[in-house]
Amino acid sequence: MRPSAEVWSALHTLGNAAIGVGLGMSVLGVAFVVSQFAAGQGSDAQATSTPPPPPPTPFVSSPTPASTPPAPATTPTPAPTATPDQFTTTAYSNSGKRYAALRAPVGYTFTSPVAGTVAVRRYQFVSGEVRLDSLYPGLPFFPYVTLESADRRIIFRPGALDVDTEVIVKDGDRVAVGAPLFKLMGEGASSWHIFYDRGVTANVIASVVALPSGAELDPVAFFTTR
């Protein structure tokens, strides 16, 4: 049976309405999708355009300056000490005459106390006798060094020649004050230890007389006050 015109009209109206609703829903869906896509693009753009915050600067502590080392303590310079005189003089007497017993260490050089002329004599002790300028082999020689000035005669009597004493001057030399006369090579005593007195231990026995009288002078005073 064919529908009537009224029914056909109603169906047509319903169809149009359904189509309109469908189109509307489609438009709404498309609009929703577009809005979501736009929102996502905006977020991405915002995230891209905003640079990330810089990383925090690490804390670096400033190095503590090294402390300046204290200045070294100043060692006080010791005061110079007086060196005792190596040359010593003591009084000695024999047969009523005055002499000076002179002592000095090995290596000490005796010098001239006055300007004058030198005489050198050599002695040996032979068979209990003191002999001048003898030549006995095997026996030591002992020098006497005499120094004469205008008003003094000084005689030095050191130990054995070339063993305890090195004579520097020669017989007949003229010397000035302070000129070297002889040097001690050993620790042997004066020749007087062999000649006259075994108790003599000094390196040199010396005497001093005035010229031209020959009067004896105090030898200790002469060697200690000059």
C-alpha atoms as a PDB file:
ATOM      1  CA  MET A   1       0.000   0.000   0.000  1.00  0.00           C
ATOM      2  CA  ARG A   2       1.513   3.318  -0.932  1.00  0.00           C
ATOM      3  CA  PRO A   3       1.909   5.862   1.929  1.00  0.00           C
ATOM      4  CA  SER A   4      -0.246   8.846   1.780  1.00  0.00           C
ATOM      5  CA  ALA A   5       1.006  12.301   1.098  1.00  0.00           C
ATOM      6  CA  GLU A   6       0.842  13.287   4.777  1.00  0.00           C
ATOM      7  CA  VAL A   7       2.946  10.352   5.842  1.00  0.00           C
ATOM      8  CA  TRP A   8       5.488  11.051   3.111  1.00  0.00           C
ATOM      9  CA  SER A   9       5.704  14.676   4.154  1.00  0.00           C
ATOM     10  CA  ALA A  10       6.320  13.731   7.784  1.00  0.00           C
ATOM     11  CA  LEU A  11       9.058  11.266   6.841  1.00  0.00           C
ATOM     12  CA  HIS A  12      10.710  13.857   4.698  1.00  0.00           C
ATOM     13  CA  THR A  13      10.673  16.362   7.540  1.00  0.00           C
ATOM     14  CA  LEU A  14      12.191  13.810   9.978  1.00  0.00           C
ATOM     15  CA  GLY A  15      14.915  12.956   7.458  1.00  0.00           C
ATOM     16  CA  ASN A  16      15.846  16.565   7.018  1.00  0.00           C
ATOM     17  CA  ALA A  17      15.951  17.027  10.781  1.00  0.00           C
ATOM     18  CA  ALA A  18      18.189  13.968  11.175  1.00  0.00           C
ATOM     19  CA  ILE A  19      20.532  15.247   8.509  1.00  0.00           C
ATOM     20  CA  GLY A  20      20.678  18.656  10.228  1.00  0.00           C
ATOM     21  CA  VAL A  21      21.434  17.064  13.560  1.00  0.00           C
ATOM     22  CA  GLY A  22      24.159  14.949  12.001  1.00  0.00           C
ATOM     23  CA  LEU A  23      25.702  17.916  10.286  1.00  0.00           C
ATOM     24  CA  GLY A  24      25.613  19.872  13.531  1.00  0.00           C
ATOM     25  CA  MET A  25      27.265  17.051  15.432  1.00  0.00           C
ATOM     26  CA  SER A  26      29.925  16.781  12.755  1.00  0.00           C
ATOM     27  CA  VAL A  27      30.629  20.503  12.955  1.00  0.00           C
ATOM     28  CA  LEU A  28      30.857  20.321  16.729  1.00  0.00           C
ATOM     29  CA  GLY A  29      33.292  17.362  16.519  1.00  0.00           C
ATOM     30  CA  VAL A  30      35.453  19.102  13.996  1.00  0.00           C
ATOM     31  CA  ALA A  31      35.459  22.265  16.117  1.00  0.00           C
ATOM     32  CA  PHE A  32      36.454  20.249  19.208  1.00  0.00           C
ATOM     33  CA  VAL A  33      39.296  18.555  17.417  1.00  0.00           C
ATOM     34  CA  VAL A  34      40.531  21.867  16.005  1.00  0.00           C
ATOM     35  CA  SER A  35      40.341  23.548  19.404  1.00  0.00           C
ATOM     36  CA  GLN A  36      42.306  20.688  21.016  1.00  0.00           C
ATOM     37  CA  PHE A  37      44.923  20.818  18.268  1.00  0.00           C
ATOM     38  CA  ALA A  38      45.241  24.589  18.619  1.00  0.00           C
ATOM     39  CA  ALA A  39      45.600  24.250  22.381  1.00  0.00           C
ATOM     40  CA  GLY A  40      48.322  21.655  21.937  1.00  0.00           C
ATOM     41  CA  GLN A  41      50.186  23.803  19.409  1.00  0.00           C
ATOM     42  CA  GLY A  42      49.957  26.778  21.763  1.00  0.00           C
ATOM     43  CA  SER A  43      51.386  24.760  24.606  1.00  0.00           C
ATOM     44  CA  ASP A  44      54.184  23.473  22.403  1.00  0.00           C
ATOM     45  CA  ALA A  45      54.890  26.970  21.130  1.00  0.00           C
ATOM     46  CA  GLN A  46      54.920  28.341  24.658  1.00  0.00           C
ATOM     47  CA  ALA A  47      57.178  25.547  25.799  1.00  0.00           C
ATOM     48  CA  THR A  48      59.484  26.117  22.820  1.00  0.00           C
ATOM     49  CA  SER A  49      59.623  29.919  23.120  1.00  0.00           C
ATOM     50  CA  THR A  50      60.333  29.947  26.867  1.00  0.00           C
ATOM     51  CA  PRO A  51      64.014  29.046  27.467  1.00  0.00           C
ATOM     52  CA  PRO A  52      64.724  26.763  30.383  1.00  0.00           C
ATOM     53  CA  PRO A  53      66.100  28.468  33.476  1.00  0.00           C
ATOM     54  CA  PRO A  54      69.916  28.414  33.675  1.00  0.00           C
ATOM     55  CA  PRO A  55      71.421  25.768  35.918  1.00  0.00           C
ATOM     56  CA  PRO A  56      72.358  27.007  39.333  1.00  0.00           C
ATOM     57  CA  THR A  57      75.955  28.298  39.598  1.00  0.00           C
ATOM     58  CA  PRO A  58      77.941  25.938  41.757  1.00  0.00           C
ATOM     59  CA  PHE A  59      79.329  27.491  44.894  1.00  0.00           C
ATOM     60  CA  VAL A  60      83.093  27.744  44.775  1.00  0.00           C
ATOM     61  CA  SER A  61      84.735  28.655  48.015  1.00  0.00           C
ATOM     62  CA  SER A  62      87.583  31.156  47.811  1.00  0.00           C
ATOM     63  CA  PRO A  63      90.916  29.584  48.761  1.00  0.00           C
ATOM     64  CA  THR A  64      92.154  30.654  52.114  1.00  0.00           C
ATOM     65  CA  PRO A  65      95.385  32.613  51.592  1.00  0.00           C
ATOM     66  CA  ALA A  66      98.409  30.866  52.998  1.00  0.00           C
ATOM     67  CA  SER A  67      99.649  32.474  56.118  1.00  0.00           C
ATOM     68  CA  THR A  68     102.972  34.295  55.827  1.00  0.00           C
ATOM     69  CA  PRO A  69     105.679  32.225  57.543  1.00  0.00           C
ATOM     70  CA  PRO A  70     107.191  33.958  60.517  1.00  0.00           C
ATOM     71  CA  ALA A  71     110.595  35.525  60.027  1.00  0.00           C
ATOM     72  CA  PRO A  72     113.399  33.267  61.222  1.00  0.00           C
ATOM     73  CA  ALA A  73     114.692  34.100  64.620  1.00  0.00           C
ATOM     74  CA  THR A  74     117.884  36.108  64.493  1.00  0.00           C
ATOM     75  CA  THR A  75     120.751  34.331  66.181  1.00  0.00           C
ATOM     76  CA  PRO A  76     122.764  36.853  68.111  1.00  0.00           C
ATOM     77  CA  THR A  77     126.364  37.101  66.962  1.00  0.00           C
ATOM     78  CA  PRO A  78     128.557  35.902  69.783  1.00  0.00           C
ATOM     79  CA  ALA A  79     130.896  38.487  71.120  1.00  0.00           C
ATOM     80  CA  PRO A  80     134.509  37.841  70.145  1.00  0.00           C
ATOM     81  CA  THR A  81     136.509  36.231  72.893  1.00  0.00           C
ATOM     82  CA  ALA A  82     140.017  37.214  73.622  1.00  0.00           C
ATOM     83  CA  THR A  83     142.561  34.639  72.505  1.00  0.00           C
ATOM     84  CA  PRO A  84     145.114  34.023  75.190  1.00  0.00           C
ATOM     85  CA  ASP A  85     148.680  34.821  74.213  1.00  0.00           C
ATOM     86  CA  GLN A  86     150.465  31.696  72.988  1.00  0.00           C
ATOM     87  CA  PHE A  87     153.762  33.078  74.243  1.00  0.00           C
ATOM     88  CA  THR A  88     154.381  32.954  77.989  1.00  0.00           C
ATOM     89  CA  THR A  89     157.307  34.155  80.088  1.00  0.00           C
ATOM     90  CA  THR A  90     158.313  33.062  83.584  1.00  0.00           C
ATOM     91  CA  ALA A  91     161.333  33.915  85.682  1.00  0.00           C
ATOM     92  CA  TYR A  92     164.209  31.442  85.915  1.00  0.00           C
ATOM     93  CA  SER A  93     167.570  31.718  87.658  1.00  0.00           C
ATOM     94  CA  ASN A  94     170.771  29.678  87.502  1.00  0.00           C
ATOM     95  CA  SER A  95     174.129  30.290  89.183  1.00  0.00           C
ATOM     96  CA  GLY A  96     172.855  33.605  90.512  1.00  0.00           C
ATOM     97  CA  LYS A  97     171.854  34.982  87.113  1.00  0.00           C
ATOM     98  CA  ARG A  98     168.383  35.871  85.899  1.00  0.00           C
ATOM     99  CA  TYR A  99     166.813  34.372  82.811  1.00  0.00           C
ATOM    100  CA  ALA A 100     163.408  34.206  81.175  1.00  0.00           C
ATOM    101  CA  ALA A 101     161.840  30.776  80.549  1.00  0.00           C
ATOM    102  CA  LEU A 102     159.864  31.169  77.308  1.00  0.00           C
ATOM    103  CA  ARG A 103     157.098  28.746  76.325  1.00  0.00           C
ATOM    104  CA  ALA A 104     155.186  28.499  73.049  1.00  0.00           C
ATOM    105  CA  PRO A 105     153.376  25.769  71.068  1.00  0.00           C
ATOM    106  CA  VAL A 106     154.827  23.841  68.167  1.00  0.00           C
ATOM    107  CA  GLY A 107     154.746  25.991  65.040  1.00  0.00           C
ATOM    108  CA  TYR A 108     155.271  29.238  66.932  1.00  0.00           C
ATOM    109  CA  THR A 109     157.788  31.645  65.367  1.00  0.00           C
ATOM    110  CA  PHE A 110     159.956  33.800  67.600  1.00  0.00           C
ATOM    111  CA  THR A 111     160.539  37.269  66.162  1.00  0.00           C
ATOM    112  CA  SER A 112     163.101  39.965  66.794  1.00  0.00           C
ATOM    113  CA  PRO A 113     162.173  42.306  69.678  1.00  0.00           C
ATOM    114  CA  VAL A 114     164.654  44.930  68.454  1.00  0.00           C
ATOM    115  CA  ALA A 115     166.464  45.872  65.270  1.00  0.00           C
ATOM    116  CA  GLY A 116     170.028  44.618  65.186  1.00  0.00           C
ATOM    117  CA  THR A 117     172.589  42.085  64.023  1.00  0.00           C
ATOM    118  CA  VAL A 118     172.231  38.333  64.407  1.00  0.00           C
ATOM    119  CA  ALA A 119     174.875  35.825  65.475  1.00  0.00           C
ATOM    120  CA  VAL A 120     174.151  32.090  65.239  1.00  0.00           C
ATOM    121  CA  ARG A 121     176.282  29.558  67.142  1.00  0.00           C
ATOM    122  CA  ARG A 122     175.951  25.768  67.334  1.00  0.00           C
ATOM    123  CA  TYR A 123     176.811  23.639  70.362  1.00  0.00           C
ATOM    124  CA  GLN A 124     177.019  19.933  71.120  1.00  0.00           C
ATOM    125  CA  PHE A 125     177.084  18.118  74.429  1.00  0.00           C
ATOM    126  CA  VAL A 126     180.095  15.788  74.204  1.00  0.00           C
ATOM    127  CA  SER A 127     181.235  13.567  77.092  1.00  0.00           C
ATOM    128  CA  GLY A 128     179.596  15.839  79.640  1.00  0.00           C
ATOM    129  CA  GLU A 129     180.997  19.028  78.123  1.00  0.00           C
ATOM    130  CA  VAL A 130     179.378  21.817  76.084  1.00  0.00           C
ATOM    131  CA  ARG A 131     181.430  22.302  72.909  1.00  0.00           C
ATOM    132  CA  LEU A 132     181.150  25.079  70.346  1.00  0.00           C
ATOM    133  CA  ASP A 133     181.187  24.275  66.611  1.00  0.00           C
ATOM    134  CA  SER A 134     182.079  20.625  67.147  1.00  0.00           C
ATOM    135  CA  LEU A 135     181.136  18.002  64.560  1.00  0.00           C
ATOM    136  CA  TYR A 136     180.501  14.795  66.471  1.00  0.00           C
ATOM    137  CA  PRO A 137     178.232  12.529  64.398  1.00  0.00           C
ATOM    138  CA  GLY A 138     175.083  11.202  66.007  1.00  0.00           C
ATOM    139  CA  LEU A 139     174.897  13.976  68.597  1.00  0.00           C
ATOM    140  CA  PRO A 140     172.314  16.767  68.319  1.00  0.00           C
ATOM    141  CA  PHE A 141     173.288  20.367  67.684  1.00  0.00           C
ATOM    142  CA  PHE A 142     171.820  23.122  69.819  1.00  0.00           C
ATOM    143  CA  PRO A 143     171.678  26.668  68.408  1.00  0.00           C
ATOM    144  CA  TYR A 144     172.209  29.891  70.300  1.00  0.00           C
ATOM    145  CA  VAL A 145     170.641  32.871  68.502  1.00  0.00           C
ATOM    146  CA  THR A 146     172.111  36.190  69.685  1.00  0.00           C
ATOM    147  CA  LEU A 147     170.661  39.561  68.698  1.00  0.00           C
ATOM    148  CA  GLU A 148     172.581  42.787  69.337  1.00  0.00           C
ATOM    149  CA  SER A 149     171.200  46.301  69.009  1.00  0.00           C
ATOM    150  CA  ALA A 150     172.855  49.601  69.930  1.00  0.00           C
ATOM    151  CA  ASP A 151     172.060  49.103  73.620  1.00  0.00           C
ATOM    152  CA  ARG A 152     170.883  45.467  74.108  1.00  0.00           C
ATOM    153  CA  ARG A 153     172.139  41.919  73.698  1.00  0.00           C
ATOM    154  CA  ILE A 154     169.468  39.205  73.767  1.00  0.00           C
ATOM    155  CA  ILE A 155     170.454  35.530  73.678  1.00  0.00           C
ATOM    156  CA  PHE A 156     167.889  32.817  72.823  1.00  0.00           C
ATOM    157  CA  ARG A 157     168.679  29.177  73.711  1.00  0.00           C
ATOM    158  CA  PRO A 158     166.083  26.913  72.023  1.00  0.00           C
ATOM    159  CA  GLY A 159     165.991  23.107  71.637  1.00  0.00           C
ATOM    160  CA  ALA A 160     167.808  20.752  69.269  1.00  0.00           C
ATOM    161  CA  LEU A 161     168.490  22.061  65.769  1.00  0.00           C
ATOM    162  CA  ASP A 162     166.307  20.563  62.982  1.00  0.00           C
ATOM    163  CA  VAL A 163     164.498  18.438  65.569  1.00  0.00           C
ATOM    164  CA  ASP A 164     162.848  20.981  67.852  1.00  0.00           C
ATOM    165  CA  THR A 165     164.084  24.219  66.257  1.00  0.00           C
ATOM    166  CA  GLU A 166     164.271  25.621  62.729  1.00  0.00           C
ATOM    167  CA  VAL A 167     166.642  28.600  62.576  1.00  0.00           C
ATOM    168  CA  ILE A 168     165.391  31.073  59.969  1.00  0.00           C
ATOM    169  CA  VAL A 169     168.110  33.736  60.133  1.00  0.00           C
ATOM    170  CA  LYS A 170     171.793  33.315  59.248  1.00  0.00           C
ATOM    171  CA  ASP A 171     174.872  34.378  61.098  1.00  0.00           C
ATOM    172  CA  GLY A 172     175.607  38.047  60.351  1.00  0.00           C
ATOM    173  CA  ASP A 173     172.067  38.965  59.184  1.00  0.00           C
ATOM    174  CA  ARG A 174     170.683  42.371  60.061  1.00  0.00           C
ATOM    175  CA  VAL A 175     167.022  42.237  61.037  1.00  0.00           C
ATOM    176  CA  ALA A 176     164.240  44.714  61.761  1.00  0.00           C
ATOM    177  CA  VAL A 177     161.802  44.633  64.649  1.00  0.00           C
ATOM    178  CA  GLY A 178     159.374  41.747  64.143  1.00  0.00           C
ATOM    179  CA  ALA A 179     161.593  39.814  61.717  1.00  0.00           C
ATOM    180  CA  PRO A 180     161.374  36.013  62.182  1.00  0.00           C
ATOM    181  CA  LEU A 181     164.351  34.461  63.990  1.00  0.00           C
ATOM    182  CA  PHE A 182     163.497  30.799  64.535  1.00  0.00           C
ATOM    183  CA  LYS A 183     160.486  28.470  64.639  1.00  0.00           C
ATOM    184  CA  LEU A 184     159.562  25.662  67.031  1.00  0.00           C
ATOM    185  CA  MET A 185     159.377  22.297  65.219  1.00  0.00           C
ATOM    186  CA  GLY A 186     158.972  20.047  68.254  1.00  0.00           C
ATOM    187  CA  GLU A 187     158.127  20.107  71.916  1.00  0.00           C
ATOM    188  CA  GLY A 188     161.673  19.526  73.143  1.00  0.00           C
ATOM    189  CA  ALA A 189     163.052  21.704  75.911  1.00  0.00           C
ATOM    190  CA  SER A 190     165.816  24.280  75.662  1.00  0.00           C
ATOM    191  CA  SER A 191     169.408  23.081  75.350  1.00  0.00           C
ATOM    192  CA  TRP A 192     169.836  24.014  78.996  1.00  0.00           C
ATOM    193  CA  HIS A 193     167.815  20.900  79.875  1.00  0.00           C
ATOM    194  CA  ILE A 194     170.805  18.894  78.522  1.00  0.00           C
ATOM    195  CA  PHE A 195     173.640  21.283  79.385  1.00  0.00           C
ATOM    196  CA  TYR A 196     172.903  22.508  82.912  1.00  0.00           C
ATOM    197  CA  ASP A 197     169.521  21.728  84.452  1.00  0.00           C
ATOM    198  CA  ARG A 198     167.349  18.634  83.895  1.00  0.00           C
ATOM    199  CA  GLY A 199     164.464  20.480  85.526  1.00  0.00           C
ATOM    200  CA  VAL A 200     164.170  22.947  82.611  1.00  0.00           C
ATOM    201  CA  THR A 201     161.044  22.279  80.535  1.00  0.00           C
ATOM    202  CA  ALA A 202     160.650  25.629  78.752  1.00  0.00           C
ATOM    203  CA  ASN A 203     161.222  25.750  74.988  1.00  0.00           C
ATOM    204  CA  VAL A 204     163.693  28.626  75.236  1.00  0.00           C
ATOM    205  CA  ILE A 205     165.920  30.114  77.931  1.00  0.00           C
ATOM    206  CA  ALA A 206     166.678  33.783  77.213  1.00  0.00           C
ATOM    207  CA  SER A 207     168.847  36.461  78.794  1.00  0.00           C
ATOM    208  CA  VAL A 208     169.168  40.246  78.284  1.00  0.00           C
ATOM    209  CA  VAL A 209     172.107  42.533  79.063  1.00  0.00           C
ATOM    210  CA  ALA A 210     172.743  46.215  78.491  1.00  0.00           C
ATOM    211  CA  LEU A 211     175.413  47.393  76.057  1.00  0.00           C
ATOM    212  CA  PRO A 212     178.109  48.408  76.173  1.00  0.00           C
ATOM    213  CA  SER A 213     178.298  47.821  79.944  1.00  0.00           C
ATOM    214  CA  GLY A 214     177.127  44.180  79.880  1.00  0.00           C
ATOM    215  CA  ALA A 215     174.998  44.769  82.977  1.00  0.00           C
ATOM    216  CA  GLU A 216     172.254  42.208  83.482  1.00  0.00           C
ATOM    217  CA  LEU A 217     168.701  43.422  82.802  1.00  0.00           C
ATOM    218  CA  ASP A 218     165.454  41.865  83.984  1.00  0.00           C
ATOM    219  CA  PRO A 219     164.581  39.505  81.101  1.00  0.00           C
ATOM    220  CA  VAL A 220     160.992  38.869  82.265  1.00  0.00           C
ATOM    221  CA  ALA A 221     160.236  42.588  82.263  1.00  0.00           C
ATOM    222  CA  PHE A 222     161.894  42.932  78.865  1.00  0.00           C
ATOM    223  CA  PHE A 223     159.746  40.233  77.215  1.00  0.00           C
ATOM    224  CA  THR A 224     156.485  41.169  78.930  1.00  0.00           C
ATOM    225  CA  THR A 225     156.536  44.967  78.632  1.00  0.00           C
ATOM    226  CA  ARG A 226     157.948  45.518  75.151  1.00  0.00           C
END
